Amino acid sequence: MTASKPDFSGFPRTIKVSTEHGTSQYKLAEGYFAVHGLPAAVGAALHFGPEKISVYPINRLAHVDAPRSRLTPAYSLGKGGALAVPTGKVFVRLAADQKFAERAKSFRDAGYEIDQTLSYAPNAGWLRPGSSSIGASLTAIEDLAAMPGVENVEPQMLTKAVRKS
């Protein structure tokens, strides 16, 4: 892999934490990148074992053997905030009278597939990108939020767990 900076132009520079309460935003963390689907290499700043996602400082790019298709940007919540990595999945809550499972075709038309329905909340669930493109999933969040009956959309962003004492 060459050490040139990855092209993240297909990813939004900012992502609302929630379309319902859009004041908080994740911002592109210029000095980091994430690798999806591979074990962590030496120098990882952050690793999510079950998901096989690792975050590295950009200066480690030449030392990480991964295809460009597995790279995404990392984000942070506010200036100097904790690093966050998008998975491409989004949580969607519909109006109370809507059934999540019945909207599969409209979700598919928007570029998503139903990943998980919730037995305790039939109007909500998780979507995954139909194209398997994390960038496309993040870019389409506003379009998804504008669909009739959609009340809130939140991207799944992995962050380091913080223990409170």
Foldseek 3Di string as FASTA:
>chain_A
DDLDFADQVLADQWFAQKPLPRPWIWGFPVQKKKFFDAADDPAFPDADPVRRMTMHGSVCSVVDPDDSQRMHTWTATPVPHFIWAFQQKKKWAFPQVDFPVVCQVVQVVLQWGFDDADPVRRRIGMIHGNVNDSSSSRVSQVVVCPDPGINMMGTDIDTDDDDDD
